[in-house]
Amino acid sequence: MATVNFTPQLERFLTAPPATVAGDTVKTVLSEVFADNRKLEGYVLDEQGRLRKHVAVFVDGKMIEDREDLSDPVGEGSEIFVMQALSGG
């Protein structure tokens, strides 16, 4: 099972606790997390199910390549980090 962690900044808007779920791609793992937290899905994915422009996902320390279909592989015991870019000064 993979562990999914979300940037703490999301906690300002909604609950985004770490989750441990099964799946072999980023898409399947995130789908499991979002099944219990639909509001979180809207912050991470756009209406077509793609990563939003200012969201980055890392699997085992490497940024994913497929931002549209989220087909990057996830291994047993992988750590996934979902982060949003911050702006301002």
N, C-alpha and C. Protein backbone atom coordinates (compact mmCIF):
# COMPACT_ATOMS: atom_id res chain seq x y z
N MET A 1 0.84 -1.17 0.00
CA MET A 1 0.00 0.00 0.00
C MET A 1 0.89 1.25 0.00
N ALA A 2 0.40 2.29 -0.60
CA ALA A 2 1.14 3.54 -0.69
C ALA A 2 0.63 4.52 0.36
N THR A 3 1.52 5.38 0.82
CA THR A 3 1.16 6.43 1.75
C THR A 3 1.09 7.75 0.99
N VAL A 4 -0.01 8.46 1.13
CA VAL A 4 -0.22 9.73 0.43
C VAL A 4 -0.23 10.85 1.47
N ASN A 5 0.61 11.86 1.24
CA ASN A 5 0.68 13.02 2.12
C ASN A 5 0.35 14.26 1.32
N PHE A 6 -0.39 15.18 1.94
CA PHE A 6 -0.77 16.42 1.28
C PHE A 6 -0.09 17.59 1.97
N THR A 7 0.19 18.63 1.19
CA THR A 7 0.81 19.82 1.73
C THR A 7 -0.02 20.39 2.87
N PRO A 8 0.63 20.83 3.94
CA PRO A 8 -0.13 21.36 5.09
C PRO A 8 -0.98 22.59 4.74
N GLN A 9 -0.65 23.31 3.68
CA GLN A 9 -1.43 24.49 3.31
C GLN A 9 -2.87 24.13 2.98
N LEU A 10 -3.13 22.93 2.53
CA LEU A 10 -4.50 22.52 2.23
C LEU A 10 -5.37 22.49 3.48
N GLU A 11 -4.75 22.26 4.62
CA GLU A 11 -5.50 22.19 5.88
C GLU A 11 -6.19 23.51 6.21
N ARG A 12 -5.75 24.61 5.59
CA ARG A 12 -6.42 25.89 5.80
C ARG A 12 -7.82 25.88 5.20
N PHE A 13 -8.03 25.03 4.20
CA PHE A 13 -9.30 25.02 3.46
C PHE A 13 -10.15 23.79 3.74
N LEU A 14 -9.52 22.65 4.02
CA LEU A 14 -10.26 21.41 4.22
C LEU A 14 -9.37 20.39 4.89
N THR A 15 -9.96 19.28 5.27
CA THR A 15 -9.21 18.20 5.91
C THR A 15 -8.45 17.42 4.84
N ALA A 16 -7.14 17.26 5.04
CA ALA A 16 -6.31 16.52 4.09
C ALA A 16 -5.29 15.68 4.85
N PRO A 17 -5.77 14.72 5.63
CA PRO A 17 -4.84 13.90 6.42
C PRO A 17 -4.09 12.91 5.53
N PRO A 18 -2.95 12.42 6.01
CA PRO A 18 -2.25 11.36 5.27
C PRO A 18 -3.17 10.15 5.13
N ALA A 19 -2.95 9.40 4.07
CA ALA A 19 -3.78 8.20 3.83
C ALA A 19 -2.89 7.08 3.34
N THR A 20 -3.24 5.87 3.69
CA THR A 20 -2.56 4.68 3.19
C THR A 20 -3.58 3.88 2.39
N VAL A 21 -3.31 3.75 1.08
CA VAL A 21 -4.27 3.11 0.19
C VAL A 21 -3.54 2.22 -0.81
N ALA A 22 -4.29 1.33 -1.44
CA ALA A 22 -3.74 0.43 -2.46
C ALA A 22 -3.89 1.07 -3.84
N GLY A 23 -3.02 0.70 -4.75
CA GLY A 23 -3.10 1.15 -6.13
C GLY A 23 -1.76 0.99 -6.81
N ASP A 24 -1.79 0.84 -8.13
CA ASP A 24 -0.54 0.64 -8.87
C ASP A 24 -0.15 1.83 -9.74
N THR A 25 -1.02 2.86 -9.80
CA THR A 25 -0.69 4.09 -10.51
C THR A 25 -1.11 5.27 -9.63
N VAL A 26 -0.59 6.45 -9.97
CA VAL A 26 -0.98 7.64 -9.22
C VAL A 26 -2.49 7.83 -9.30
N LYS A 27 -3.06 7.59 -10.46
CA LYS A 27 -4.50 7.77 -10.62
C LYS A 27 -5.31 6.86 -9.69
N THR A 28 -4.95 5.59 -9.63
CA THR A 28 -5.73 4.68 -8.79
C THR A 28 -5.56 4.99 -7.31
N VAL A 29 -4.35 5.38 -6.92
CA VAL A 29 -4.12 5.74 -5.52
C VAL A 29 -4.91 6.98 -5.14
N LEU A 30 -4.82 8.03 -5.97
CA LEU A 30 -5.56 9.25 -5.65
C LEU A 30 -7.06 9.03 -5.70
N SER A 31 -7.52 8.19 -6.60
CA SER A 31 -8.95 7.88 -6.66
C SER A 31 -9.45 7.27 -5.35
N GLU A 32 -8.63 6.42 -4.76
CA GLU A 32 -8.99 5.82 -3.47
C GLU A 32 -9.08 6.88 -2.38
N VAL A 33 -8.13 7.80 -2.37
CA VAL A 33 -8.15 8.88 -1.37
C VAL A 33 -9.36 9.78 -1.58
N PHE A 34 -9.61 10.15 -2.84
CA PHE A 34 -10.69 11.09 -3.13
C PHE A 34 -12.07 10.47 -2.95
N ALA A 35 -12.18 9.15 -2.95
CA ALA A 35 -13.47 8.50 -2.73
C ALA A 35 -14.05 8.89 -1.37
N ASP A 36 -13.18 9.17 -0.42
CA ASP A 36 -13.61 9.57 0.92
C ASP A 36 -13.52 11.07 1.15
N ASN A 37 -13.02 11.81 0.16
CA ASN A 37 -12.80 13.24 0.36
C ASN A 37 -12.93 13.98 -0.98
N ARG A 38 -14.16 14.14 -1.46
CA ARG A 38 -14.42 14.76 -2.77
C ARG A 38 -13.98 16.22 -2.83
N LYS A 39 -14.07 16.95 -1.72
CA LYS A 39 -13.63 18.35 -1.73
C LYS A 39 -12.14 18.45 -2.01
N LEU A 40 -11.37 17.54 -1.46
CA LEU A 40 -9.93 17.52 -1.69
C LEU A 40 -9.62 17.28 -3.16
N GLU A 41 -10.41 16.44 -3.80
CA GLU A 41 -10.22 16.17 -5.22
C GLU A 41 -10.28 17.45 -6.04
N GLY A 42 -11.22 18.33 -5.73
CA GLY A 42 -11.38 19.58 -6.46
C GLY A 42 -10.20 20.53 -6.31
N TYR A 43 -9.46 20.41 -5.23
CA TYR A 43 -8.28 21.25 -5.05
C TYR A 43 -7.08 20.70 -5.82
N VAL A 44 -7.07 19.39 -6.06
CA VAL A 44 -5.92 18.75 -6.69
C VAL A 44 -6.11 18.56 -8.19
N LEU A 45 -7.31 18.14 -8.59
CA LEU A 45 -7.57 17.84 -10.00
C LEU A 45 -8.55 18.84 -10.61
N ASP A 46 -8.41 19.05 -11.93
CA ASP A 46 -9.36 19.92 -12.62
C ASP A 46 -10.57 19.10 -13.06
N GLU A 47 -11.45 19.72 -13.83
CA GLU A 47 -12.70 19.07 -14.24
C GLU A 47 -12.48 17.87 -15.17
N GLN A 48 -11.31 17.78 -15.81
CA GLN A 48 -10.99 16.65 -16.68
C GLN A 48 -10.19 15.57 -15.96
N GLY A 49 -9.97 15.73 -14.68
CA GLY A 49 -9.22 14.74 -13.92
C GLY A 49 -7.72 14.88 -14.03
N ARG A 50 -7.26 16.00 -14.55
CA ARG A 50 -5.82 16.27 -14.67
C ARG A 50 -5.36 17.07 -13.46
N LEU A 51 -4.05 17.00 -13.20
CA LEU A 51 -3.52 17.82 -12.11
C LEU A 51 -3.72 19.28 -12.42
N ARG A 52 -4.11 20.04 -11.43
CA ARG A 52 -4.21 21.48 -11.60
C ARG A 52 -2.84 22.06 -11.86
N LYS A 53 -2.82 23.22 -12.49
CA LYS A 53 -1.58 23.85 -12.95
C LYS A 53 -0.53 23.99 -11.85
N HIS A 54 -0.95 24.39 -10.67
CA HIS A 54 0.00 24.67 -9.60
C HIS A 54 0.07 23.56 -8.55
N VAL A 55 -0.16 22.32 -9.00
CA VAL A 55 -0.05 21.17 -8.12
C VAL A 55 1.07 20.28 -8.64
N ALA A 56 1.88 19.79 -7.73
CA ALA A 56 2.96 18.85 -8.08
C ALA A 56 2.77 17.59 -7.26
N VAL A 57 3.02 16.45 -7.89
CA VAL A 57 2.94 15.16 -7.21
C VAL A 57 4.28 14.46 -7.36
N PHE A 58 4.78 13.96 -6.23
CA PHE A 58 6.04 13.23 -6.22
C PHE A 58 5.78 11.82 -5.73
N VAL A 59 6.39 10.84 -6.41
CA VAL A 59 6.33 9.45 -5.98
C VAL A 59 7.75 9.04 -5.63
N ASP A 60 7.96 8.69 -4.39
CA ASP A 60 9.28 8.30 -3.91
C ASP A 60 10.34 9.34 -4.27
N GLY A 61 9.99 10.61 -4.10
CA GLY A 61 10.93 11.70 -4.30
C GLY A 61 11.11 12.17 -5.73
N LYS A 62 10.40 11.56 -6.68
CA LYS A 62 10.53 11.94 -8.08
C LYS A 62 9.20 12.52 -8.57
N MET A 63 9.27 13.70 -9.21
CA MET A 63 8.05 14.32 -9.74
C MET A 63 7.47 13.44 -10.85
N ILE A 64 6.15 13.27 -10.82
CA ILE A 64 5.52 12.44 -11.85
C ILE A 64 5.64 13.12 -13.22
N GLU A 65 5.60 12.32 -14.26
CA GLU A 65 5.71 12.82 -15.62
C GLU A 65 4.36 13.01 -16.29
N ASP A 66 3.40 12.15 -15.98
CA ASP A 66 2.10 12.17 -16.65
C ASP A 66 1.09 12.97 -15.82
N ARG A 67 0.97 14.25 -16.12
CA ARG A 67 0.06 15.14 -15.39
C ARG A 67 -1.38 15.02 -15.89
N GLU A 68 -1.57 14.40 -17.05
CA GLU A 68 -2.93 14.30 -17.62
C GLU A 68 -3.64 13.02 -17.21
N ASP A 69 -3.01 11.87 -17.43
CA ASP A 69 -3.65 10.59 -17.12
C ASP A 69 -3.21 10.01 -15.78
N LEU A 70 -2.18 10.61 -15.17
CA LEU A 70 -1.68 10.16 -13.87
C LEU A 70 -1.30 8.68 -13.88
N SER A 71 -0.65 8.27 -14.97
CA SER A 71 -0.33 6.85 -15.16
C SER A 71 1.01 6.43 -14.57
N ASP A 72 1.72 7.34 -13.92
CA ASP A 72 3.01 6.97 -13.32
C ASP A 72 2.81 5.82 -12.34
N PRO A 73 3.75 4.84 -12.35
CA PRO A 73 3.58 3.68 -11.47
C PRO A 73 3.82 4.01 -10.00
N VAL A 74 3.13 3.25 -9.16
CA VAL A 74 3.28 3.35 -7.71
C VAL A 74 3.58 1.94 -7.21
N GLY A 75 4.66 1.83 -6.44
CA GLY A 75 5.04 0.53 -5.92
C GLY A 75 4.48 0.28 -4.53
N GLU A 76 4.56 -0.95 -4.11
CA GLU A 76 4.15 -1.31 -2.76
C GLU A 76 5.05 -0.56 -1.78
N GLY A 77 4.46 0.18 -0.88
CA GLY A 77 5.24 0.94 0.09
C GLY A 77 5.72 2.30 -0.40
N SER A 78 5.25 2.74 -1.57
CA SER A 78 5.65 4.05 -2.09
C SER A 78 5.13 5.17 -1.21
N GLU A 79 5.85 6.29 -1.23
CA GLU A 79 5.40 7.51 -0.57
C GLU A 79 5.07 8.53 -1.63
N ILE A 80 3.86 9.07 -1.55
CA ILE A 80 3.38 10.06 -2.51
C ILE A 80 3.15 11.38 -1.77
N PHE A 81 3.69 12.45 -2.35
CA PHE A 81 3.50 13.77 -1.77
C PHE A 81 2.78 14.64 -2.79
N VAL A 82 1.69 15.26 -2.36
CA VAL A 82 0.91 16.16 -3.21
C VAL A 82 1.11 17.56 -2.66
N MET A 83 1.65 18.44 -3.52
CA MET A 83 1.99 19.79 -3.07
C MET A 83 1.39 20.83 -3.99
N GLN A 84 1.05 21.97 -3.42
CA GLN A 84 0.59 23.10 -4.20
C GLN A 84 1.65 24.20 -4.13
N ALA A 85 1.89 24.83 -5.26
CA ALA A 85 2.83 25.94 -5.30
C ALA A 85 2.24 27.11 -4.52
N LEU A 86 3.10 27.80 -3.82
CA LEU A 86 2.68 28.99 -3.08
C LEU A 86 3.23 30.21 -3.78
N SER A 87 2.48 31.28 -3.77
CA SER A 87 2.94 32.52 -4.41
C SER A 87 2.69 33.68 -3.47
N GLY A 88 3.24 34.77 -3.82
CA GLY A 88 3.07 35.95 -2.98
C GLY A 88 4.42 36.46 -2.53
N GLY A 89 4.40 37.50 -1.74
CA GLY A 89 5.68 38.05 -1.32
C GLY A 89 5.70 38.48 0.09
